[in-house]
Amino acid sequence: MLFDLQVFDSDEWVVVAPVGELDLSSIPQVRQRIVQLVADGEQRVVLDLAGVDFVDSAGIGLVVMVAKRLAAHGGELRIAGPTQGVWSVFELVGLDRLWPAHESVADAIAGRTATTMVPDAERAPQ
């Protein structure tokens, strides 16, 4: 599967949007980019998972690493747009209690938290 990583500014946040599988093969690229963002002084990151169709333990480890690195620099991580399949992995390992899901990047930036995850079939096209 092809992998792409998009990074862009939105308000006072940086959005990191991987597309494809967030797994052992794609993690180094994402990690390097986020480490550089934090080194450049970015403190507010939205991890947009709308384009991620699979996450494994390496992907979960990446999320934890990003959150710790940002917290160590006074920053914050918000999770946006995970599919139900990806979010079920977060729930399985208990990360849903640490980082609530936001339905979209706009909701994450505004701080509007989804009370329940919207099934993929019911999610509005973006």
PDB file of N, CA and C in Angstrom:
ATOM      1  N   MET A   1       0.841  -1.182   0.000  1.00  0.00           N
ATOM      2  CA  MET A   1       0.000   0.000   0.000  1.00  0.00           C
ATOM      3  C   MET A   1       0.886   1.247   0.000  1.00  0.00           C
ATOM      4  N   LEU A   2       0.490   2.236  -0.751  1.00  0.00           N
ATOM      5  CA  LEU A   2       1.214   3.496  -0.793  1.00  0.00           C
ATOM      6  C   LEU A   2       0.970   4.283   0.480  1.00  0.00           C
ATOM      7  N   PHE A   3       1.954   5.070   0.864  1.00  0.00           N
ATOM      8  CA  PHE A   3       1.848   5.895   2.060  1.00  0.00           C
ATOM      9  C   PHE A   3       2.201   7.324   1.695  1.00  0.00           C
ATOM     10  N   ASP A   4       1.465   8.268   2.268  1.00  0.00           N
ATOM     11  CA  ASP A   4       1.739   9.676   2.054  1.00  0.00           C
ATOM     12  C   ASP A   4       1.606  10.381   3.394  1.00  0.00           C
ATOM     13  N   LEU A   5       2.333  11.468   3.540  1.00  0.00           N
ATOM     14  CA  LEU A   5       2.269  12.258   4.765  1.00  0.00           C
ATOM     15  C   LEU A   5       2.096  13.715   4.380  1.00  0.00           C
ATOM     16  N   GLN A   6       1.001  14.284   4.823  1.00  0.00           N
ATOM     17  CA  GLN A   6       0.729  15.692   4.568  1.00  0.00           C
ATOM     18  C   GLN A   6       0.858  16.450   5.879  1.00  0.00           C
ATOM     19  N   VAL A   7       1.490  17.607   5.831  1.00  0.00           N
ATOM     20  CA  VAL A   7       1.664  18.450   7.009  1.00  0.00           C
ATOM     21  C   VAL A   7       1.321  19.873   6.595  1.00  0.00           C
ATOM     22  N   PHE A   8       0.427  20.505   7.364  1.00  0.00           N
ATOM     23  CA  PHE A   8       0.043  21.874   7.047  1.00  0.00           C
ATOM     24  C   PHE A   8      -0.387  22.607   8.305  1.00  0.00           C
ATOM     25  N   ASP A   9      -0.342  23.931   8.237  1.00  0.00           N
ATOM     26  CA  ASP A   9      -0.765  24.780   9.355  1.00  0.00           C
ATOM     27  C   ASP A   9      -2.252  25.054   9.243  1.00  0.00           C
ATOM     28  N   SER A  10      -2.903  25.108  10.406  1.00  0.00           N
ATOM     29  CA  SER A  10      -4.307  25.467  10.480  1.00  0.00           C
ATOM     30  C   SER A  10      -4.514  26.219  11.781  1.00  0.00           C
ATOM     31  N   ASP A  11      -4.808  27.501  11.669  1.00  0.00           N
ATOM     32  CA  ASP A  11      -4.877  28.383  12.839  1.00  0.00           C
ATOM     33  C   ASP A  11      -3.542  28.305  13.568  1.00  0.00           C
ATOM     34  N   GLU A  12      -3.574  28.012  14.851  1.00  0.00           N
ATOM     35  CA  GLU A  12      -2.327  27.937  15.623  1.00  0.00           C
ATOM     36  C   GLU A  12      -1.882  26.494  15.823  1.00  0.00           C
ATOM     37  N   TRP A  13      -2.366  25.618  14.985  1.00  0.00           N
ATOM     38  CA  TRP A  13      -2.057  24.194  15.079  1.00  0.00           C
ATOM     39  C   TRP A  13      -1.342  23.732  13.818  1.00  0.00           C
ATOM     40  N   VAL A  14      -0.562  22.664  13.961  1.00  0.00           N
ATOM     41  CA  VAL A  14       0.017  21.975  12.819  1.00  0.00           C
ATOM     42  C   VAL A  14      -0.734  20.659  12.683  1.00  0.00           C
ATOM     43  N   VAL A  15      -1.199  20.393  11.482  1.00  0.00           N
ATOM     44  CA  VAL A  15      -1.929  19.160  11.213  1.00  0.00           C
ATOM     45  C   VAL A  15      -0.987  18.190  10.513  1.00  0.00           C
ATOM     46  N   VAL A  16      -0.871  16.998  11.081  1.00  0.00           N
ATOM     47  CA  VAL A  16      -0.079  15.923  10.497  1.00  0.00           C
ATOM     48  C   VAL A  16      -1.077  14.864  10.054  1.00  0.00           C
ATOM     49  N   ALA A  17      -1.130  14.633   8.750  1.00  0.00           N
ATOM     50  CA  ALA A  17      -2.163  13.763   8.185  1.00  0.00           C
ATOM     51  C   ALA A  17      -1.541  12.630   7.375  1.00  0.00           C
ATOM     52  N   PRO A  18      -1.280  11.493   8.028  1.00  0.00           N
ATOM     53  CA  PRO A  18      -0.801  10.335   7.273  1.00  0.00           C
ATOM     54  C   PRO A  18      -1.940   9.747   6.446  1.00  0.00           C
ATOM     55  N   VAL A  19      -1.595   9.184   5.309  1.00  0.00           N
ATOM     56  CA  VAL A  19      -2.580   8.538   4.446  1.00  0.00           C
ATOM     57  C   VAL A  19      -2.035   7.158   4.094  1.00  0.00           C
ATOM     58  N   GLY A  20      -2.807   6.143   4.444  1.00  0.00           N
ATOM     59  CA  GLY A  20      -2.385   4.767   4.205  1.00  0.00           C
ATOM     60  C   GLY A  20      -2.314   4.017   5.517  1.00  0.00           C
ATOM     61  N   GLU A  21      -1.351   3.127   5.633  1.00  0.00           N
ATOM     62  CA  GLU A  21      -1.196   2.326   6.839  1.00  0.00           C
ATOM     63  C   GLU A  21      -0.169   2.963   7.762  1.00  0.00           C
ATOM     64  N   LEU A  22      -0.534   3.089   9.029  1.00  0.00           N
ATOM     65  CA  LEU A  22       0.378   3.618  10.046  1.00  0.00           C
ATOM     66  C   LEU A  22       0.985   2.411  10.746  1.00  0.00           C
ATOM     67  N   ASP A  23       2.097   1.942  10.176  1.00  0.00           N
ATOM     68  CA  ASP A  23       2.702   0.701  10.655  1.00  0.00           C
ATOM     69  C   ASP A  23       4.222   0.829  10.672  1.00  0.00           C
ATOM     70  N   LEU A  24       4.874  -0.279  10.933  1.00  0.00           N
ATOM     71  CA  LEU A  24       6.326  -0.292  11.084  1.00  0.00           C
ATOM     72  C   LEU A  24       7.061   0.336   9.902  1.00  0.00           C
ATOM     73  N   SER A  25       6.551   0.168   8.704  1.00  0.00           N
ATOM     74  CA  SER A  25       7.244   0.706   7.533  1.00  0.00           C
ATOM     75  C   SER A  25       7.055   2.215   7.357  1.00  0.00           C
ATOM     76  N   SER A  26       5.940   2.764   7.833  1.00  0.00           N
ATOM     77  CA  SER A  26       5.683   4.199   7.655  1.00  0.00           C
ATOM     78  C   SER A  26       6.083   5.053   8.859  1.00  0.00           C
ATOM     79  N   ILE A  27       6.270   4.429  10.008  1.00  0.00           N
ATOM     80  CA  ILE A  27       6.551   5.156  11.248  1.00  0.00           C
ATOM     81  C   ILE A  27       7.798   6.035  11.162  1.00  0.00           C
ATOM     82  N   PRO A  28       8.918   5.570  10.612  1.00  0.00           N
ATOM     83  CA  PRO A  28      10.106   6.433  10.601  1.00  0.00           C
ATOM     84  C   PRO A  28       9.870   7.786   9.931  1.00  0.00           C
ATOM     85  N   GLN A  29       9.140   7.800   8.831  1.00  0.00           N
ATOM     86  CA  GLN A  29       8.865   9.053   8.128  1.00  0.00           C
ATOM     87  C   GLN A  29       8.026   9.988   8.993  1.00  0.00           C
ATOM     88  N   VAL A  30       7.005   9.462   9.635  1.00  0.00           N
ATOM     89  CA  VAL A  30       6.132  10.286  10.475  1.00  0.00           C
ATOM     90  C   VAL A  30       6.898  10.778  11.698  1.00  0.00           C
ATOM     91  N   ARG A  31       7.637   9.876  12.342  1.00  0.00           N
ATOM     92  CA  ARG A  31       8.401  10.243  13.530  1.00  0.00           C
ATOM     93  C   ARG A  31       9.394  11.360  13.220  1.00  0.00           C
ATOM     94  N   GLN A  32      10.137  11.212  12.134  1.00  0.00           N
ATOM     95  CA  GLN A  32      11.137  12.219  11.765  1.00  0.00           C
ATOM     96  C   GLN A  32      10.487  13.586  11.555  1.00  0.00           C
ATOM     97  N   ARG A  33       9.357  13.610  10.883  1.00  0.00           N
ATOM     98  CA  ARG A  33       8.676  14.886  10.606  1.00  0.00           C
ATOM     99  C   ARG A  33       8.171  15.535  11.888  1.00  0.00           C
ATOM    100  N   ILE A  34       7.590  14.744  12.787  1.00  0.00           N
ATOM    101  CA  ILE A  34       7.063  15.303  14.034  1.00  0.00           C
ATOM    102  C   ILE A  34       8.185  15.749  14.956  1.00  0.00           C
ATOM    103  N   VAL A  35       9.258  14.985  15.041  1.00  0.00           N
ATOM    104  CA  VAL A  35      10.407  15.399  15.852  1.00  0.00           C
ATOM    105  C   VAL A  35      10.942  16.732  15.348  1.00  0.00           C
ATOM    106  N   GLN A  36      11.002  16.903  14.032  1.00  0.00           N
ATOM    107  CA  GLN A  36      11.471  18.164  13.461  1.00  0.00           C
ATOM    108  C   GLN A  36      10.508  19.306  13.782  1.00  0.00           C
ATOM    109  N   LEU A  37       9.209  19.054  13.715  1.00  0.00           N
ATOM    110  CA  LEU A  37       8.224  20.088  14.043  1.00  0.00           C
ATOM    111  C   LEU A  37       8.393  20.571  15.480  1.00  0.00           C
ATOM    112  N   VAL A  38       8.560  19.627  16.401  1.00  0.00           N
ATOM    113  CA  VAL A  38       8.740  19.995  17.812  1.00  0.00           C
ATOM    114  C   VAL A  38      10.058  20.742  17.992  1.00  0.00           C
ATOM    115  N   ALA A  39      11.117  20.287  17.327  1.00  0.00           N
ATOM    116  CA  ALA A  39      12.412  20.973  17.408  1.00  0.00           C
ATOM    117  C   ALA A  39      12.316  22.397  16.857  1.00  0.00           C
ATOM    118  N   ASP A  40      11.416  22.600  15.896  1.00  0.00           N
ATOM    119  CA  ASP A  40      11.213  23.930  15.319  1.00  0.00           C
ATOM    120  C   ASP A  40      10.297  24.804  16.178  1.00  0.00           C
ATOM    121  N   GLY A  41       9.815  24.252  17.300  1.00  0.00           N
ATOM    122  CA  GLY A  41       9.013  25.040  18.225  1.00  0.00           C
ATOM    123  C   GLY A  41       7.515  24.840  18.153  1.00  0.00           C
ATOM    124  N   GLU A  42       7.059  23.935  17.300  1.00  0.00           N
ATOM    125  CA  GLU A  42       5.616  23.671  17.238  1.00  0.00           C
ATOM    126  C   GLU A  42       5.179  22.955  18.510  1.00  0.00           C
ATOM    127  N   GLN A  43       4.056  23.382  19.083  1.00  0.00           N
ATOM    128  CA  GLN A  43       3.591  22.783  20.329  1.00  0.00           C
ATOM    129  C   GLN A  43       2.181  22.215  20.243  1.00  0.00           C
ATOM    130  N   ARG A  44       1.464  22.542  19.215  1.00  0.00           N
ATOM    131  CA  ARG A  44       0.078  22.098  19.091  1.00  0.00           C
ATOM    132  C   ARG A  44      -0.063  21.312  17.799  1.00  0.00           C
ATOM    133  N   VAL A  45      -0.285  20.006  17.953  1.00  0.00           N
ATOM    134  CA  VAL A  45      -0.345  19.119  16.798  1.00  0.00           C
ATOM    135  C   VAL A  45      -1.673  18.369  16.788  1.00  0.00           C
ATOM    136  N   VAL A  46      -2.326  18.383  15.633  1.00  0.00           N
ATOM    137  CA  VAL A  46      -3.494  17.540  15.393  1.00  0.00           C
ATOM    138  C   VAL A  46      -3.021  16.388  14.512  1.00  0.00           C
ATOM    139  N   LEU A  47      -3.212  15.177  14.993  1.00  0.00           N
ATOM    140  CA  LEU A  47      -2.910  13.993  14.197  1.00  0.00           C
ATOM    141  C   LEU A  47      -4.213  13.574  13.521  1.00  0.00           C
ATOM    142  N   ASP A  48      -4.305  13.865  12.225  1.00  0.00           N
ATOM    143  CA  ASP A  48      -5.510  13.594  11.449  1.00  0.00           C
ATOM    144  C   ASP A  48      -5.430  12.170  10.902  1.00  0.00           C
ATOM    145  N   LEU A  49      -6.232  11.288  11.474  1.00  0.00           N
ATOM    146  CA  LEU A  49      -6.191   9.874  11.102  1.00  0.00           C
ATOM    147  C   LEU A  49      -7.269   9.478  10.103  1.00  0.00           C
ATOM    148  N   ALA A  50      -7.940  10.456   9.506  1.00  0.00           N
ATOM    149  CA  ALA A  50      -9.030  10.157   8.569  1.00  0.00           C
ATOM    150  C   ALA A  50      -8.545   9.334   7.370  1.00  0.00           C
ATOM    151  N   GLY A  51      -7.312   9.500   6.964  1.00  0.00           N
ATOM    152  CA  GLY A  51      -6.787   8.774   5.815  1.00  0.00           C
ATOM    153  C   GLY A  51      -6.057   7.495   6.180  1.00  0.00           C
ATOM    154  N   VAL A  52      -6.081   7.127   7.447  1.00  0.00           N
ATOM    155  CA  VAL A  52      -5.385   5.914   7.902  1.00  0.00           C
ATOM    156  C   VAL A  52      -6.382   4.772   7.954  1.00  0.00           C
ATOM    157  N   ASP A  53      -6.061   3.694   7.250  1.00  0.00           N
ATOM    158  CA  ASP A  53      -6.984   2.556   7.235  1.00  0.00           C
ATOM    159  C   ASP A  53      -6.504   1.379   8.071  1.00  0.00           C
ATOM    160  N   PHE A  54      -5.295   1.504   8.629  1.00  0.00           N
ATOM    161  CA  PHE A  54      -4.756   0.426   9.471  1.00  0.00           C
ATOM    162  C   PHE A  54      -3.717   1.019  10.405  1.00  0.00           C
ATOM    163  N   VAL A  55      -3.723   0.564  11.650  1.00  0.00           N
ATOM    164  CA  VAL A  55      -2.690   0.961  12.607  1.00  0.00           C
ATOM    165  C   VAL A  55      -2.275  -0.278  13.387  1.00  0.00           C
ATOM    166  N   ASP A  56      -0.962  -0.456  13.552  1.00  0.00           N
ATOM    167  CA  ASP A  56      -0.476  -1.591  14.337  1.00  0.00           C
ATOM    168  C   ASP A  56       0.188  -1.070  15.610  1.00  0.00           C
ATOM    169  N   SER A  57       0.864  -1.939  16.336  1.00  0.00           N
ATOM    170  CA  SER A  57       1.472  -1.541  17.608  1.00  0.00           C
ATOM    171  C   SER A  57       2.530  -0.459  17.422  1.00  0.00           C
ATOM    172  N   ALA A  58       3.215  -0.459  16.293  1.00  0.00           N
ATOM    173  CA  ALA A  58       4.197   0.595  16.030  1.00  0.00           C
ATOM    174  C   ALA A  58       3.504   1.944  15.877  1.00  0.00           C
ATOM    175  N   GLY A  59       2.338   1.946  15.242  1.00  0.00           N
ATOM    176  CA  GLY A  59       1.562   3.173  15.100  1.00  0.00           C
ATOM    177  C   GLY A  59       1.072   3.689  16.439  1.00  0.00           C
ATOM    178  N   ILE A  60       0.627   2.781  17.297  1.00  0.00           N
ATOM    179  CA  ILE A  60       0.208   3.166  18.649  1.00  0.00           C
ATOM    180  C   ILE A  60       1.402   3.732  19.411  1.00  0.00           C
ATOM    181  N   GLY A  61       2.542   3.091  19.285  1.00  0.00           N
ATOM    182  CA  GLY A  61       3.757   3.591  19.934  1.00  0.00           C
ATOM    183  C   GLY A  61       4.121   4.987  19.456  1.00  0.00           C
ATOM    184  N   LEU A  62       3.922   5.241  18.180  1.00  0.00           N
ATOM    185  CA  LEU A  62       4.198   6.565  17.630  1.00  0.00           C
ATOM    186  C   LEU A  62       3.315   7.619  18.285  1.00  0.00           C
ATOM    187  N   VAL A  63       2.026   7.328  18.428  1.00  0.00           N
ATOM    188  CA  VAL A  63       1.103   8.283  19.040  1.00  0.00           C
ATOM    189  C   VAL A  63       1.548   8.608  20.465  1.00  0.00           C
ATOM    190  N   VAL A  64       1.924   7.597  21.216  1.00  0.00           N
ATOM    191  CA  VAL A  64       2.387   7.807  22.594  1.00  0.00           C
ATOM    192  C   VAL A  64       3.667   8.648  22.596  1.00  0.00           C
ATOM    193  N   MET A  65       4.606   8.344  21.705  1.00  0.00           N
ATOM    194  CA  MET A  65       5.854   9.104  21.619  1.00  0.00           C
ATOM    195  C   MET A  65       5.593  10.568  21.298  1.00  0.00           C
ATOM    196  N   VAL A  66       4.706  10.808  20.346  1.00  0.00           N
ATOM    197  CA  VAL A  66       4.387  12.184  19.952  1.00  0.00           C
ATOM    198  C   VAL A  66       3.784  12.940  21.134  1.00  0.00           C
ATOM    199  N   ALA A  67       2.839  12.309  21.809  1.00  0.00           N
ATOM    200  CA  ALA A  67       2.198  12.963  22.957  1.00  0.00           C
ATOM    201  C   ALA A  67       3.213  13.283  24.048  1.00  0.00           C
ATOM    202  N   LYS A  68       4.095  12.360  24.344  1.00  0.00           N
ATOM    203  CA  LYS A  68       5.113  12.593  25.380  1.00  0.00           C
ATOM    204  C   LYS A  68       6.072  13.699  24.973  1.00  0.00           C
ATOM    205  N   ARG A  69       6.506  13.683  23.725  1.00  0.00           N
ATOM    206  CA  ARG A  69       7.444  14.706  23.248  1.00  0.00           C
ATOM    207  C   ARG A  69       6.799  16.090  23.305  1.00  0.00           C
ATOM    208  N   LEU A  70       5.556  16.178  22.872  1.00  0.00           N
ATOM    209  CA  LEU A  70       4.861  17.464  22.920  1.00  0.00           C
ATOM    210  C   LEU A  70       4.656  17.924  24.360  1.00  0.00           C
ATOM    211  N   ALA A  71       4.243  17.011  25.241  1.00  0.00           N
ATOM    212  CA  ALA A  71       4.027  17.371  26.645  1.00  0.00           C
ATOM    213  C   ALA A  71       5.317  17.853  27.294  1.00  0.00           C
ATOM    214  N   ALA A  72       6.430  17.245  26.944  1.00  0.00           N
ATOM    215  CA  ALA A  72       7.726  17.650  27.503  1.00  0.00           C
ATOM    216  C   ALA A  72       8.103  19.070  27.089  1.00  0.00           C
ATOM    217  N   HIS A  73       7.508  19.549  26.003  1.00  0.00           N
ATOM    218  CA  HIS A  73       7.774  20.899  25.511  1.00  0.00           C
ATOM    219  C   HIS A  73       6.583  21.822  25.732  1.00  0.00           C
ATOM    220  N   GLY A  74       5.679  21.428  26.639  1.00  0.00           N
ATOM    221  CA  GLY A  74       4.516  22.254  26.946  1.00  0.00           C
ATOM    222  C   GLY A  74       3.443  22.232  25.887  1.00  0.00           C
ATOM    223  N   GLY A  75       3.451  21.219  25.050  1.00  0.00           N
ATOM    224  CA  GLY A  75       2.518  21.156  23.935  1.00  0.00           C
ATOM    225  C   GLY A  75       1.364  20.210  24.163  1.00  0.00           C
ATOM    226  N   GLU A  76       0.604  20.002  23.098  1.00  0.00           N
ATOM    227  CA  GLU A  76      -0.609  19.195  23.175  1.00  0.00           C
ATOM    228  C   GLU A  76      -0.836  18.451  21.862  1.00  0.00           C
ATOM    229  N   LEU A  77      -1.332  17.223  21.985  1.00  0.00           N
ATOM    230  CA  LEU A  77      -1.707  16.411  20.838  1.00  0.00           C
ATOM    231  C   LEU A  77      -3.215  16.217  20.849  1.00  0.00           C
ATOM    232  N   ARG A  78      -3.833  16.364  19.690  1.00  0.00           N
ATOM    233  CA  ARG A  78      -5.251  16.044  19.522  1.00  0.00           C
ATOM    234  C   ARG A  78      -5.389  15.082  18.348  1.00  0.00           C
ATOM    235  N   ILE A  79      -6.320  14.140  18.493  1.00  0.00           N
ATOM    236  CA  ILE A  79      -6.561  13.121  17.474  1.00  0.00           C
ATOM    237  C   ILE A  79      -7.844  13.474  16.725  1.00  0.00           C
ATOM    238  N   ALA A  80      -7.778  13.464  15.396  1.00  0.00           N
ATOM    239  CA  ALA A  80      -8.950  13.813  14.583  1.00  0.00           C
ATOM    240  C   ALA A  80      -9.254  12.724  13.564  1.00  0.00           C
ATOM    241  N   GLY A  81     -10.545  12.514  13.337  1.00  0.00           N
ATOM    242  CA  GLY A  81     -11.033  11.732  12.218  1.00  0.00           C
ATOM    243  C   GLY A  81     -10.698  10.270  12.118  1.00  0.00           C
ATOM    244  N   PRO A  82     -10.437   9.563  13.223  1.00  0.00           N
ATOM    245  CA  PRO A  82     -10.098   8.145  13.032  1.00  0.00           C
ATOM    246  C   PRO A  82     -11.295   7.350  12.528  1.00  0.00           C
ATOM    247  N   THR A  83     -11.021   6.394  11.659  1.00  0.00           N
ATOM    248  CA  THR A  83     -12.074   5.477  11.239  1.00  0.00           C
ATOM    249  C   THR A  83     -12.437   4.593  12.426  1.00  0.00           C
ATOM    250  N   GLN A  84     -13.558   3.948  12.346  1.00  0.00           N
ATOM    251  CA  GLN A  84     -13.979   3.079  13.448  1.00  0.00           C
ATOM    252  C   GLN A  84     -12.968   1.963  13.680  1.00  0.00           C
ATOM    253  N   GLY A  85     -12.413   1.417  12.588  1.00  0.00           N
ATOM    254  CA  GLY A  85     -11.421   0.350  12.724  1.00  0.00           C
ATOM    255  C   GLY A  85     -10.166   0.807  13.452  1.00  0.00           C
ATOM    256  N   VAL A  86      -9.674   1.975  13.100  1.00  0.00           N
ATOM    257  CA  VAL A  86      -8.490   2.522  13.771  1.00  0.00           C
ATOM    258  C   VAL A  86      -8.823   2.862  15.214  1.00  0.00           C
ATOM    259  N   TRP A  87      -9.994   3.471  15.433  1.00  0.00           N
ATOM    260  CA  TRP A  87     -10.355   3.868  16.792  1.00  0.00           C
ATOM    261  C   TRP A  87     -10.548   2.654  17.691  1.00  0.00           C
ATOM    262  N   SER A  88     -10.998   1.540  17.136  1.00  0.00           N
ATOM    263  CA  SER A  88     -11.177   0.337  17.951  1.00  0.00           C
ATOM    264  C   SER A  88      -9.842  -0.153  18.504  1.00  0.00           C
ATOM    265  N   VAL A  89      -8.751   0.061  17.765  1.00  0.00           N
ATOM    266  CA  VAL A  89      -7.420  -0.291  18.273  1.00  0.00           C
ATOM    267  C   VAL A  89      -7.061   0.629  19.440  1.00  0.00           C
ATOM    268  N   PHE A  90      -7.357   1.921  19.316  1.00  0.00           N
ATOM    269  CA  PHE A  90      -7.123   2.853  20.423  1.00  0.00           C
ATOM    270  C   PHE A  90      -7.899   2.411  21.663  1.00  0.00           C
ATOM    271  N   GLU A  91      -9.159   2.012  21.460  1.00  0.00           N
ATOM    272  CA  GLU A  91      -9.986   1.565  22.587  1.00  0.00           C
ATOM    273  C   GLU A  91      -9.427   0.292  23.211  1.00  0.00           C
ATOM    274  N   LEU A  92      -8.974  -0.614  22.374  1.00  0.00           N
ATOM    275  CA  LEU A  92      -8.439  -1.889  22.839  1.00  0.00           C
ATOM    276  C   LEU A  92      -7.270  -1.699  23.798  1.00  0.00           C
ATOM    277  N   VAL A  93      -6.404  -0.731  23.500  1.00  0.00           N
ATOM    278  CA  VAL A  93      -5.225  -0.509  24.346  1.00  0.00           C
ATOM    279  C   VAL A  93      -5.422   0.623  25.361  1.00  0.00           C
ATOM    280  N   GLY A  94      -6.611   1.204  25.393  1.00  0.00           N
ATOM    281  CA  GLY A  94      -6.922   2.207  26.408  1.00  0.00           C
ATOM    282  C   GLY A  94      -6.527   3.632  26.072  1.00  0.00           C
ATOM    283  N   LEU A  95      -6.075   3.884  24.859  1.00  0.00           N
ATOM    284  CA  LEU A  95      -5.667   5.247  24.503  1.00  0.00           C
ATOM    285  C   LEU A  95      -6.857   6.183  24.330  1.00  0.00           C
ATOM    286  N   ASP A  96      -8.044   5.615  24.135  1.00  0.00           N
ATOM    287  CA  ASP A  96      -9.238   6.460  23.999  1.00  0.00           C
ATOM    288  C   ASP A  96      -9.516   7.240  25.278  1.00  0.00           C
ATOM    289  N   ARG A  97      -9.020   6.754  26.411  1.00  0.00           N
ATOM    290  CA  ARG A  97      -9.210   7.462  27.681  1.00  0.00           C
ATOM    291  C   ARG A  97      -8.204   8.602  27.851  1.00  0.00           C
ATOM    292  N   LEU A  98      -7.112   8.555  27.102  1.00  0.00           N
ATOM    293  CA  LEU A  98      -6.096   9.606  27.193  1.00  0.00           C
ATOM    294  C   LEU A  98      -6.321  10.716  26.172  1.00  0.00           C
ATOM    295  N   TRP A  99      -6.754  10.329  24.964  1.00  0.00           N
ATOM    296  CA  TRP A  99      -6.981  11.288  23.894  1.00  0.00           C
ATOM    297  C   TRP A  99      -8.344  11.049  23.285  1.00  0.00           C
ATOM    298  N   PRO A 100      -9.300  11.899  23.568  1.00  0.00           N
ATOM    299  CA  PRO A 100     -10.611  11.714  22.938  1.00  0.00           C
ATOM    300  C   PRO A 100     -10.512  11.957  21.436  1.00  0.00           C
ATOM    301  N   ALA A 101     -11.392  11.331  20.709  1.00  0.00           N
ATOM    302  CA  ALA A 101     -11.420  11.517  19.259  1.00  0.00           C
ATOM    303  C   ALA A 101     -12.257  12.728  18.908  1.00  0.00           C
ATOM    304  N   HIS A 102     -11.771  13.475  17.938  1.00  0.00           N
ATOM    305  CA  HIS A 102     -12.522  14.587  17.363  1.00  0.00           C
ATOM    306  C   HIS A 102     -12.939  14.136  15.973  1.00  0.00           C
ATOM    307  N   GLU A 103     -14.148  14.454  15.574  1.00  0.00           N
ATOM    308  CA  GLU A 103     -14.640  13.962  14.292  1.00  0.00           C
ATOM    309  C   GLU A 103     -13.901  14.551  13.101  1.00  0.00           C
ATOM    310  N   SER A 104     -13.348  15.752  13.266  1.00  0.00           N
ATOM    311  CA  SER A 104     -12.651  16.397  12.149  1.00  0.00           C
ATOM    312  C   SER A 104     -11.507  17.241  12.695  1.00  0.00           C
ATOM    313  N   VAL A 105     -10.656  17.689  11.791  1.00  0.00           N
ATOM    314  CA  VAL A 105      -9.569  18.593  12.183  1.00  0.00           C
ATOM    315  C   VAL A 105     -10.152  19.873  12.768  1.00  0.00           C
ATOM    316  N   ALA A 106     -11.201  20.409  12.143  1.00  0.00           N
ATOM    317  CA  ALA A 106     -11.829  21.639  12.651  1.00  0.00           C
ATOM    318  C   ALA A 106     -12.337  21.444  14.072  1.00  0.00           C
ATOM    319  N   ASP A 107     -12.958  20.288  14.355  1.00  0.00           N
ATOM    320  CA  ASP A 107     -13.423  20.003  15.714  1.00  0.00           C
ATOM    321  C   ASP A 107     -12.259  19.888  16.685  1.00  0.00           C
ATOM    322  N   ALA A 108     -11.171  19.277  16.246  1.00  0.00           N
ATOM    323  CA  ALA A 108      -9.997  19.131  17.117  1.00  0.00           C
ATOM    324  C   ALA A 108      -9.417  20.496  17.467  1.00  0.00           C
ATOM    325  N   ILE A 109      -9.290  21.353  16.478  1.00  0.00           N
ATOM    326  CA  ILE A 109      -8.734  22.680  16.715  1.00  0.00           C
ATOM    327  C   ILE A 109      -9.640  23.483  17.645  1.00  0.00           C
ATOM    328  N   ALA A 110     -10.947  23.348  17.454  1.00  0.00           N
ATOM    329  CA  ALA A 110     -11.910  24.075  18.286  1.00  0.00           C
ATOM    330  C   ALA A 110     -12.093  23.429  19.656  1.00  0.00           C
ATOM    331  N   GLY A 111     -11.595  22.206  19.814  1.00  0.00           N
ATOM    332  CA  GLY A 111     -11.736  21.519  21.084  1.00  0.00           C
ATOM    333  C   GLY A 111     -13.065  20.818  21.264  1.00  0.00           C
ATOM    334  N   ARG A 112     -13.829  20.662  20.179  1.00  0.00           N
ATOM    335  CA  ARG A 112     -15.109  19.953  20.252  1.00  0.00           C
ATOM    336  C   ARG A 112     -14.840  18.454  20.161  1.00  0.00           C
ATOM    337  N   THR A 113     -15.148  17.746  21.217  1.00  0.00           N
ATOM    338  CA  THR A 113     -14.878  16.319  21.284  1.00  0.00           C
ATOM    339  C   THR A 113     -16.114  15.523  20.894  1.00  0.00           C
ATOM    340  N   ALA A 114     -15.916  14.517  20.091  1.00  0.00           N
ATOM    341  CA  ALA A 114     -17.012  13.614  19.744  1.00  0.00           C
ATOM    342  C   ALA A 114     -17.364  12.794  20.982  1.00  0.00           C
ATOM    343  N   THR A 115     -18.629  12.716  21.314  1.00  0.00           N
ATOM    344  CA  THR A 115     -19.028  11.921  22.470  1.00  0.00           C
ATOM    345  C   THR A 115     -18.988  10.439  22.154  1.00  0.00           C
ATOM    346  N   THR A 116     -19.291  10.082  20.919  1.00  0.00           N
ATOM    347  CA  THR A 116     -19.153   8.706  20.461  1.00  0.00           C
ATOM    348  C   THR A 116     -18.594   8.758  19.045  1.00  0.00           C
ATOM    349  N   MET A 117     -17.921   7.733  18.669  1.00  0.00           N
ATOM    350  CA  MET A 117     -17.381   7.697  17.317  1.00  0.00           C
ATOM    351  C   MET A 117     -18.510   7.460  16.332  1.00  0.00           C
ATOM    352  N   VAL A 118     -18.453   8.168  15.235  1.00  0.00           N
ATOM    353  CA  VAL A 118     -19.445   8.023  14.175  1.00  0.00           C
ATOM    354  C   VAL A 118     -19.010   6.864  13.284  1.00  0.00           C
ATOM    355  N   PRO A 119     -19.891   5.883  13.060  1.00  0.00           N
ATOM    356  CA  PRO A 119     -19.512   4.793  12.149  1.00  0.00           C
ATOM    357  C   PRO A 119     -19.111   5.356  10.792  1.00  0.00           C
ATOM    358  N   ASP A 120     -18.120   4.751  10.170  1.00  0.00           N
ATOM    359  CA  ASP A 120     -17.579   5.247   8.904  1.00  0.00           C
ATOM    360  C   ASP A 120     -18.653   5.478   7.849  1.00  0.00           C
ATOM    361  N   ALA A 121     -19.635   4.610   7.760  1.00  0.00           N
ATOM    362  CA  ALA A 121     -20.667   4.729   6.738  1.00  0.00           C
ATOM    363  C   ALA A 121     -21.536   5.962   6.948  1.00  0.00           C
ATOM    364  N   GLU A 122     -21.612   6.448   8.182  1.00  0.00           N
ATOM    365  CA  GLU A 122     -22.447   7.611   8.481  1.00  0.00           C
ATOM    366  C   GLU A 122     -21.682   8.925   8.454  1.00  0.00           C
ATOM    367  N   ARG A 123     -20.367   8.857   8.361  1.00  0.00           N
ATOM    368  CA  ARG A 123     -19.535  10.063   8.375  1.00  0.00           C
ATOM    369  C   ARG A 123     -19.746  10.842   7.097  1.00  0.00           C
ATOM    370  N   ALA A 124     -19.901  12.149   7.253  1.00  0.00           N
ATOM    371  CA  ALA A 124     -20.092  13.025   6.087  1.00  0.00           C
ATOM    372  C   ALA A 124     -18.811  13.071   5.277  1.00  0.00           C
ATOM    373  N   PRO A 125     -18.893  13.111   3.954  1.00  0.00           N
ATOM    374  CA  PRO A 125     -17.683  13.214   3.129  1.00  0.00           C
ATOM    375  C   PRO A 125     -16.987  14.544   3.398  1.00  0.00           C
ATOM    376  N   GLN A 126     -15.652  14.531   3.307  1.00  0.00           N
ATOM    377  CA  GLN A 126     -14.880  15.745   3.607  1.00  0.00           C
ATOM    378  C   GLN A 126     -14.297  16.344   2.367  1.00  0.00           C
TER     379      GLN A 126
END
